[in-house]
N, C-alpha and C. Protein backbone atom coordinates (compact mmCIF):
# COMPACT_ATOMS: atom_id res chain seq x y z
N MET A 1 72.56 123.76 152.80
CA MET A 1 72.93 125.31 153.55
C MET A 1 74.21 125.98 153.12
N GLN A 2 74.47 127.40 152.65
CA GLN A 2 75.09 127.32 151.65
C GLN A 2 76.16 129.61 152.05
N PHE A 3 77.43 128.95 152.49
CA PHE A 3 77.86 130.16 153.92
C PHE A 3 78.37 130.72 152.16
N PHE A 4 78.05 132.67 152.63
CA PHE A 4 78.34 133.17 151.22
C PHE A 4 79.42 134.12 151.98
N VAL A 5 80.70 135.27 151.47
CA VAL A 5 81.23 136.18 152.40
C VAL A 5 81.50 136.92 151.42
N VAL A 6 80.17 138.05 151.16
CA VAL A 6 80.56 139.41 150.16
C VAL A 6 81.41 140.66 149.86
N TYR A 7 82.14 140.66 149.71
CA TYR A 7 82.87 140.81 149.78
C TYR A 7 83.03 143.08 149.61
N ILE A 8 81.95 143.89 150.19
CA ILE A 8 81.83 145.31 149.47
C ILE A 8 83.06 146.50 149.63
N ARG A 9 83.49 146.65 150.61
CA ARG A 9 84.77 147.56 150.51
C ARG A 9 85.55 147.63 151.28
N GLU A 10 87.09 148.03 150.72
CA GLU A 10 87.96 148.18 152.54
C GLU A 10 87.25 149.24 153.40
N ALA A 11 86.60 149.00 154.57
CA ALA A 11 86.44 149.47 155.79
C ALA A 11 87.88 150.38 156.55
N HIS A 12 88.31 150.61 156.20
CA HIS A 12 90.23 150.94 156.69
C HIS A 12 91.22 151.28 155.86
N ALA A 13 90.44 151.73 154.47
CA ALA A 13 91.41 151.62 153.58
C ALA A 13 92.83 153.38 154.06
N VAL A 14 93.70 153.29 153.72
CA VAL A 14 95.05 153.98 153.95
C VAL A 14 94.41 155.35 153.48
N ASP A 15 93.56 155.47 152.19
CA ASP A 15 93.10 156.79 151.97
C ASP A 15 91.40 156.77 151.89
N SER A 16 91.14 156.11 153.89
CA SER A 16 89.57 156.46 153.69
C SER A 16 89.24 157.37 154.77
N PRO A 17 88.26 157.69 155.07
CA PRO A 17 88.61 158.57 156.42
C PRO A 17 88.42 158.25 157.46
N SER A 18 88.31 156.25 157.54
CA SER A 18 88.88 155.84 158.64
C SER A 18 89.99 155.21 158.65
N PRO A 19 91.36 154.99 158.08
CA PRO A 19 92.52 154.32 158.42
C PRO A 19 92.60 154.01 159.18
N LEU A 20 93.27 152.67 159.02
CA LEU A 20 94.08 151.96 160.66
C LEU A 20 95.09 151.53 160.25
N THR A 21 96.50 151.47 160.81
CA THR A 21 97.45 151.55 160.46
C THR A 21 98.01 150.53 160.01
N LEU A 22 97.10 149.31 160.12
CA LEU A 22 97.73 147.73 160.28
C LEU A 22 97.00 147.35 159.01
N VAL A 23 96.53 148.14 158.00
CA VAL A 23 96.13 147.93 156.76
C VAL A 23 97.23 149.08 155.52
N LEU A 24 97.31 147.82 154.91
CA LEU A 24 98.02 149.54 154.27
C LEU A 24 97.40 148.80 152.78
N ILE A 25 96.81 149.01 152.84
CA ILE A 25 95.33 149.16 151.40
C ILE A 25 94.93 151.01 151.52
N GLU A 26 94.91 150.62 149.98
CA GLU A 26 94.23 152.08 149.68
C GLU A 26 92.75 151.60 148.77
N ASP A 27 92.14 152.32 149.07
CA ASP A 27 90.71 152.09 148.33
C ASP A 27 90.35 151.49 147.11
N PRO A 28 89.91 150.71 146.65
CA PRO A 28 90.20 150.35 145.32
C PRO A 28 90.00 150.99 144.05
N THR A 29 90.08 150.82 143.08
CA THR A 29 89.38 152.67 142.21
C THR A 29 88.93 151.68 140.91
N SER A 30 88.80 149.89 140.78
CA SER A 30 88.49 148.74 139.65
C SER A 30 87.61 148.06 140.36
N ASP A 31 87.00 147.23 139.68
CA ASP A 31 86.36 146.25 140.52
C ASP A 31 87.37 144.78 140.02
N ALA A 32 88.55 144.75 139.49
CA ALA A 32 89.68 144.03 139.28
C ALA A 32 90.38 144.11 140.75
N GLU A 33 90.82 145.68 140.81
CA GLU A 33 91.56 145.82 142.02
C GLU A 33 91.05 145.54 143.32
N ARG A 34 89.55 145.96 143.47
CA ARG A 34 88.56 145.49 145.19
C ARG A 34 88.76 143.46 145.06
N GLN A 35 88.78 143.17 143.55
CA GLN A 35 88.86 141.38 143.69
C GLN A 35 89.55 141.48 143.99
N GLN A 36 90.65 141.69 143.65
CA GLN A 36 92.31 141.39 144.63
C GLN A 36 92.59 142.21 145.82
N VAL A 37 91.81 142.67 146.85
CA VAL A 37 91.97 143.38 147.84
C VAL A 37 91.02 142.34 148.50
N ALA A 38 90.25 141.81 147.74
CA ALA A 38 89.08 140.65 149.01
C ALA A 38 89.09 139.59 148.52
N LYS A 39 90.63 139.21 147.65
CA LYS A 39 91.56 137.85 147.49
C LYS A 39 92.74 138.13 149.16
N THR A 40 93.09 138.83 149.02
CA THR A 40 93.84 139.06 149.84
C THR A 40 93.31 139.06 151.54
N CYS A 41 92.47 139.73 151.20
CA CYS A 41 91.10 139.90 152.90
C CYS A 41 91.29 138.26 153.21
N LEU A 42 90.84 137.61 152.21
CA LEU A 42 89.88 136.48 152.40
C LEU A 42 91.11 135.33 153.18
N ALA A 43 92.10 135.40 152.24
CA ALA A 43 93.63 135.18 152.47
C ALA A 43 93.77 135.15 153.78
N THR A 44 94.05 136.76 154.42
CA THR A 44 95.02 137.02 155.92
C THR A 44 94.06 136.85 156.44
N LEU A 45 92.44 136.38 156.44
CA LEU A 45 91.55 135.80 157.82
C LEU A 45 91.68 134.48 157.71
N GLU A 46 92.03 133.95 156.61
CA GLU A 46 92.14 131.96 156.64
C GLU A 46 91.11 132.13 156.33
N ILE A 47 89.83 132.54 155.50
CA ILE A 47 88.99 131.75 155.00
C ILE A 47 88.22 131.55 154.01
N GLU A 48 89.45 131.51 152.67
CA GLU A 48 89.64 131.72 151.71
C GLU A 48 88.77 130.15 151.05
N ASN A 49 88.03 129.77 152.12
CA ASN A 49 87.37 128.18 152.16
C ASN A 49 86.15 127.96 151.67
N ILE A 50 86.07 129.89 151.73
CA ILE A 50 84.38 130.13 152.31
C ILE A 50 84.18 130.55 150.88
N PRO A 51 82.71 130.34 149.82
CA PRO A 51 82.49 130.62 148.67
C PRO A 51 82.89 132.11 149.31
N ALA A 52 83.35 132.83 147.83
CA ALA A 52 82.98 134.57 147.95
C ALA A 52 82.36 135.64 147.26
N VAL A 53 81.86 136.27 146.93
CA VAL A 53 81.33 137.24 145.84
C VAL A 53 81.98 138.91 146.16
N VAL A 54 82.19 139.63 145.46
CA VAL A 54 82.60 140.55 145.67
C VAL A 54 82.04 141.87 144.98
N ASP A 55 81.39 142.81 145.48
CA ASP A 55 80.52 143.77 145.39
C ASP A 55 81.20 144.67 144.28
N LYS A 56 80.71 144.89 143.17
CA LYS A 56 81.59 145.51 142.03
C LYS A 56 81.86 147.42 142.67
N MET A 57 82.28 148.48 141.63
CA MET A 57 82.39 149.27 142.19
C MET A 57 81.42 150.51 142.74
N ASP A 58 80.43 149.66 142.00
CA ASP A 58 78.81 151.04 142.11
C ASP A 58 78.71 150.83 143.65
N ASP A 59 79.13 150.07 144.28
CA ASP A 59 78.53 149.68 145.90
C ASP A 59 77.08 148.50 145.69
N ALA A 60 76.04 148.77 144.60
CA ALA A 60 75.11 148.53 144.97
C ALA A 60 74.82 147.14 146.20
N VAL A 61 74.71 146.15 146.10
CA VAL A 61 74.79 145.33 147.13
C VAL A 61 74.91 145.86 148.79
N ASN A 62 75.68 146.78 149.02
CA ASN A 62 76.32 147.09 150.09
C ASN A 62 75.53 148.45 150.34
N GLN A 63 74.46 149.02 149.78
CA GLN A 63 73.47 149.92 149.32
C GLN A 63 72.47 149.63 149.70
N ALA A 64 71.94 148.14 149.29
CA ALA A 64 71.15 147.25 148.91
C ALA A 64 70.88 146.76 150.48
N TYR A 65 71.97 145.66 150.76
CA TYR A 65 71.90 145.50 152.56
C TYR A 65 72.45 146.20 153.49
N GLN A 66 73.19 147.71 152.78
CA GLN A 66 73.66 147.83 154.44
C GLN A 66 74.57 147.40 154.93
N GLY A 67 75.73 146.36 153.98
CA GLY A 67 76.36 146.05 154.68
C GLY A 67 78.25 146.13 155.67
N TRP A 68 78.36 148.03 156.11
CA TRP A 68 79.18 148.16 155.94
C TRP A 68 79.01 148.71 156.96
N PRO A 69 79.96 148.17 158.29
CA PRO A 69 81.29 147.80 158.09
C PRO A 69 81.28 145.81 158.16
N ASP A 70 80.30 145.40 158.56
CA ASP A 70 80.00 143.40 158.71
C ASP A 70 78.60 143.36 158.93
N ARG A 71 78.36 142.82 158.24
CA ARG A 71 76.48 142.25 158.91
C ARG A 71 76.31 141.02 158.48
N LEU A 72 75.55 140.14 158.69
CA LEU A 72 74.87 138.37 158.79
C LEU A 72 73.52 138.37 158.60
N TYR A 73 73.26 137.76 156.96
CA TYR A 73 72.08 137.76 156.82
C TYR A 73 71.68 136.75 156.48
N LEU A 74 70.88 136.23 157.21
CA LEU A 74 70.57 134.71 156.54
C LEU A 74 69.11 134.66 154.95
N VAL A 75 69.21 134.57 154.24
CA VAL A 75 68.39 134.47 153.08
C VAL A 75 67.21 133.19 153.57
N GLY A 76 66.53 132.87 153.41
CA GLY A 76 65.39 131.54 153.60
C GLY A 76 64.96 130.93 151.72
N LYS A 77 64.55 129.74 152.11
CA LYS A 77 64.65 128.90 151.05
C LYS A 77 63.40 129.94 149.50
N ASP A 78 63.21 130.56 150.00
CA ASP A 78 61.96 131.07 149.42
C ASP A 78 62.65 132.74 148.84
N GLY A 79 63.73 133.15 149.45
CA GLY A 79 64.73 133.80 148.57
C GLY A 79 64.55 135.14 149.24
N LYS A 80 63.38 134.81 150.54
CA LYS A 80 63.19 136.55 150.95
C LYS A 80 64.01 136.31 152.54
N LEU A 81 64.16 137.67 153.01
CA LEU A 81 65.26 137.36 153.92
C LEU A 81 64.38 136.68 155.69
N ALA A 82 65.69 136.25 156.43
CA ALA A 82 64.42 135.32 156.93
C ALA A 82 65.20 136.02 158.47
N TYR A 83 66.57 136.77 158.16
CA TYR A 83 67.32 137.02 159.71
C TYR A 83 68.17 138.04 159.31
N ALA A 84 68.79 139.72 159.30
CA ALA A 84 68.72 141.02 159.07
C ALA A 84 69.72 141.46 160.39
N GLY A 85 70.97 140.21 160.58
CA GLY A 85 71.70 140.47 161.96
C GLY A 85 71.71 142.67 161.55
N GLY A 86 72.55 143.33 163.26
CA GLY A 86 72.22 144.29 162.92
C GLY A 86 74.30 144.86 162.81
N ARG A 87 74.34 146.10 163.16
CA ARG A 87 75.29 146.42 161.67
C ARG A 87 76.39 146.48 162.87
N GLY A 88 78.03 145.70 162.72
CA GLY A 88 78.87 145.30 163.11
C GLY A 88 79.71 146.70 163.91
N PRO A 89 81.10 147.04 164.37
CA PRO A 89 80.85 145.44 165.17
C PRO A 89 80.16 145.14 166.36
N PHE A 90 79.69 146.05 166.75
CA PHE A 90 78.64 146.04 167.85
C PHE A 90 77.29 145.37 167.88
N GLY A 91 76.91 145.30 166.58
CA GLY A 91 75.33 144.70 166.16
C GLY A 91 75.75 143.05 165.31
N PHE A 92 76.91 142.53 165.34
CA PHE A 92 77.35 141.17 165.39
C PHE A 92 77.32 140.33 165.93
N HIS A 93 75.96 139.64 165.26
CA HIS A 93 75.89 139.15 167.54
C HIS A 93 75.76 137.27 166.67
N PRO A 94 77.07 136.34 166.24
CA PRO A 94 76.30 135.13 165.40
C PRO A 94 75.59 134.36 166.01
N GLU A 95 75.43 133.91 168.15
CA GLU A 95 74.91 133.12 168.05
C GLU A 95 73.20 133.78 167.52
N GLU A 96 72.54 135.06 167.15
CA GLU A 96 70.85 135.26 166.68
C GLU A 96 71.20 134.03 165.34
N LEU A 97 72.19 135.11 164.42
CA LEU A 97 72.17 134.13 163.64
C LEU A 97 71.95 132.49 163.48
N GLU A 98 73.02 132.06 164.46
CA GLU A 98 72.53 130.60 164.51
C GLU A 98 71.17 130.37 165.26
N ALA A 99 70.83 131.29 165.87
CA ALA A 99 68.74 130.82 166.71
C ALA A 99 68.60 130.64 165.31
N ALA A 100 68.47 132.02 164.40
CA ALA A 100 67.88 131.92 163.14
C ALA A 100 67.49 130.75 161.81
N ILE A 101 68.73 129.99 162.03
CA ILE A 101 69.26 129.05 161.02
C ILE A 101 68.54 127.98 161.66
N LYS A 102 68.48 128.09 162.86
CA LYS A 102 67.55 126.58 163.64
C LYS A 102 66.15 126.99 163.02
N ALA A 103 65.43 127.74 163.62
CA ALA A 103 64.58 128.37 162.95
C ALA A 103 63.90 128.05 162.08
N GLU A 104 64.99 128.16 160.66
CA GLU A 104 64.89 128.24 159.25
C GLU A 104 64.62 127.02 159.04
N LEU A 105 65.51 126.68 159.61
CA LEU A 105 65.47 124.68 159.59
C LEU A 105 64.20 124.27 160.06
N LYS A 106 63.59 124.21 161.01
CA LYS A 106 62.96 123.59 161.35
C LYS A 106 61.36 123.83 160.75
N LYS A 107 61.35 125.48 160.12
CA LYS A 107 60.27 125.88 159.32
C LYS A 107 60.26 124.67 158.34
N SER A 108 61.21 124.33 157.80
CA SER A 108 61.47 123.72 156.25
C SER A 108 61.43 122.07 156.70
N GLY A 109 61.38 121.70 157.86
CA GLY A 109 61.33 120.30 158.02
C GLY A 109 62.64 119.61 157.73
N SER A 110 63.94 121.02 157.70
CA SER A 110 65.49 120.17 157.69
C SER A 110 66.10 120.05 158.47
N ASP A 111 65.64 120.14 159.81
CA ASP A 111 66.34 119.86 160.97
C ASP A 111 67.27 118.18 161.63
N LYS A 112 66.49 117.64 160.79
CA LYS A 112 66.53 116.48 161.74
C LYS A 112 68.14 115.83 161.28
């Protein structure tokens, strides 16, 4: 089992439609800037030990998975989605992901 953080875009940049005064980050205008913002985000949340990937400025990953503002997914060994959580924050239910992980492990015989 491998976990990844997929950083898509800053939801509350100061120049976004929904700024948050606690976040003093402008929306990046390049892939390099987005990489740096993602790195800062991971450090601030103290989750640098989880591997992370960063969506490019074309937002292709976000568009494909509708990850904004946050979402949980489980991809099975077969490469197909085994779980797609609802959009956060109200659809963010880690206990549902946990149940899906257990079901996927049982299906593959790896639950021992």
